[in-house]
Amino acid sequence: MVERQHGEVRLLIRGIAKGVATPEIAALFAPFGGDPERIALPRDRRTRRRKGIAYVFVPSIHAARAAIEALNETMLQDKQITLEIAAERPPKKPRRFGPPPGAGAGPRPPRRF
């Protein structure tokens, strides 16, 4: 996972065609300071297919607004893309492994060989 640096804004791009690769998105966002190393094209966990969205980090809110103004509702590989500032994700809850609290069966009996 990529950590956000101070002042950066994460943009959500919807409507990404299946054939669009990271270098194409990097070239699209280069005039706005988009970092080519920080572009994500998420995939569905089960099918491993692309979801049709992308995330790009830009250095400031001003660059984000300029990118939205210039690129929102434009065509990329014959599909219209829309841009918006990505919503903040809530922090992940720590995962617990094993039975829930209070559901244990007590200590294990000794093994017999």
Protein backbone atom coordinates (compact mmCIF):
# COMPACT_ATOMS: atom_id res chain seq x y z
CA MET A 1 0.00 0.00 0.00
CA VAL A 2 1.21 3.48 -0.84
CA GLU A 3 1.33 6.03 1.95
CA ARG A 4 0.11 9.54 1.26
CA GLN A 5 2.69 12.27 1.61
CA HIS A 6 1.89 15.68 3.09
CA GLY A 7 -0.23 17.82 0.77
CA GLU A 8 -0.85 15.09 -1.79
CA VAL A 9 -4.29 14.41 -3.19
CA ARG A 10 -5.51 11.06 -4.49
CA LEU A 11 -7.69 11.20 -7.59
CA LEU A 12 -10.18 8.54 -8.61
CA ILE A 13 -10.57 7.98 -12.36
CA ARG A 14 -13.65 6.03 -13.47
CA GLY A 15 -14.37 4.54 -16.88
CA ILE A 16 -10.90 3.16 -17.60
CA ALA A 17 -10.95 0.84 -20.63
CA LYS A 18 -9.59 -2.70 -20.22
CA GLY A 19 -6.62 -2.07 -22.49
CA VAL A 20 -5.33 1.07 -20.73
CA ALA A 21 -1.92 0.57 -19.13
CA THR A 22 -0.13 2.50 -16.41
CA PRO A 23 2.20 4.39 -18.84
CA GLU A 24 -0.83 5.87 -20.65
CA ILE A 25 -2.29 7.15 -17.40
CA ALA A 26 1.13 8.46 -16.35
CA ALA A 27 1.41 10.42 -19.61
CA LEU A 28 -2.09 11.82 -19.12
CA PHE A 29 -1.29 13.11 -15.62
CA ALA A 30 2.33 14.19 -16.18
CA PRO A 31 1.37 17.87 -16.81
CA PHE A 32 -0.31 17.91 -13.37
CA GLY A 33 2.60 16.36 -11.47
CA GLY A 34 1.16 12.84 -11.29
CA ASP A 35 3.80 10.41 -10.04
CA PRO A 36 4.07 7.44 -12.45
CA GLU A 37 5.25 5.22 -9.58
CA ARG A 38 2.06 5.92 -7.64
CA ILE A 39 -0.67 4.90 -10.04
CA ALA A 40 -2.94 2.01 -9.10
CA LEU A 41 -5.20 0.02 -11.42
CA PRO A 42 -7.14 -2.17 -8.95
CA ARG A 43 -8.27 -5.68 -9.84
CA ASP A 44 -11.19 -7.72 -8.60
CA ARG A 45 -9.92 -10.16 -5.96
CA ARG A 46 -11.89 -13.11 -7.25
CA THR A 47 -11.70 -12.74 -11.05
CA ARG A 48 -8.41 -10.76 -11.23
CA ARG A 49 -9.99 -8.52 -13.88
CA ARG A 50 -9.46 -4.78 -13.76
CA LYS A 51 -12.26 -2.85 -12.10
CA GLY A 52 -12.28 -0.03 -14.65
CA ILE A 53 -10.96 2.55 -12.18
CA ALA A 54 -7.56 4.00 -11.38
CA TYR A 55 -6.02 6.02 -8.57
CA VAL A 56 -3.39 8.69 -9.17
CA PHE A 57 -1.56 10.85 -6.63
CA VAL A 58 -0.98 14.51 -7.54
CA PRO A 59 1.14 16.89 -5.46
CA SER A 60 -1.54 19.40 -4.38
CA ILE A 61 -5.22 20.27 -4.33
CA HIS A 62 -4.53 22.90 -7.01
CA ALA A 63 -3.02 20.26 -9.32
CA ALA A 64 -5.98 17.97 -8.57
CA ARG A 65 -8.52 20.65 -9.48
CA ALA A 66 -6.61 21.51 -12.67
CA ALA A 67 -6.52 17.83 -13.67
CA ILE A 68 -10.25 17.43 -13.00
CA GLU A 69 -11.05 20.57 -14.98
CA ALA A 70 -8.87 19.52 -17.94
CA LEU A 71 -9.56 15.77 -18.08
CA ASN A 72 -13.03 15.17 -16.63
CA GLU A 73 -15.42 13.67 -19.21
CA THR A 74 -12.70 13.29 -21.85
CA MET A 75 -12.18 10.19 -23.98
CA LEU A 76 -9.45 7.62 -23.33
CA GLN A 77 -9.36 4.65 -25.72
CA ASP A 78 -12.94 5.31 -26.87
CA LYS A 79 -14.33 5.44 -23.32
CA GLN A 80 -15.33 8.54 -21.40
CA ILE A 81 -13.43 8.96 -18.14
CA THR A 82 -14.58 10.90 -15.11
CA LEU A 83 -12.34 12.25 -12.37
CA GLU A 84 -13.00 13.09 -8.76
CA ILE A 85 -11.07 13.48 -5.55
CA ALA A 86 -11.00 10.05 -3.90
CA ALA A 87 -12.75 9.69 -0.56
CA GLU A 88 -10.66 9.03 2.52
CA ARG A 89 -10.57 5.39 3.48
CA PRO A 90 -11.22 4.54 7.11
CA PRO A 91 -8.28 2.85 8.81
CA LYS A 92 -8.34 -0.93 8.56
CA LYS A 93 -9.45 -2.81 11.64
CA PRO A 94 -6.93 -5.27 13.01
CA ARG A 95 -7.78 -8.80 11.96
CA ARG A 96 -8.30 -11.45 14.59
CA PHE A 97 -7.40 -15.01 13.92
CA GLY A 98 -9.00 -17.86 15.78
CA PRO A 99 -12.34 -18.05 17.55
CA PRO A 100 -14.06 -14.91 18.77
CA PRO A 101 -13.51 -13.97 22.41
CA GLY A 102 -15.47 -16.16 24.77
CA ALA A 103 -16.04 -18.88 22.17
CA GLY A 104 -13.03 -20.95 23.12
CA ALA A 105 -13.44 -24.48 24.38
CA GLY A 106 -10.90 -24.01 27.14
CA PRO A 107 -7.43 -25.54 27.35
CA ARG A 108 -6.53 -28.33 24.95
CA PRO A 109 -6.33 -31.84 26.34
CA PRO A 110 -2.91 -33.51 26.32
CA ARG A 111 -2.01 -35.39 23.15
CA ARG A 112 -1.99 -39.18 23.16
CA PHE A 113 0.47 -41.09 21.02
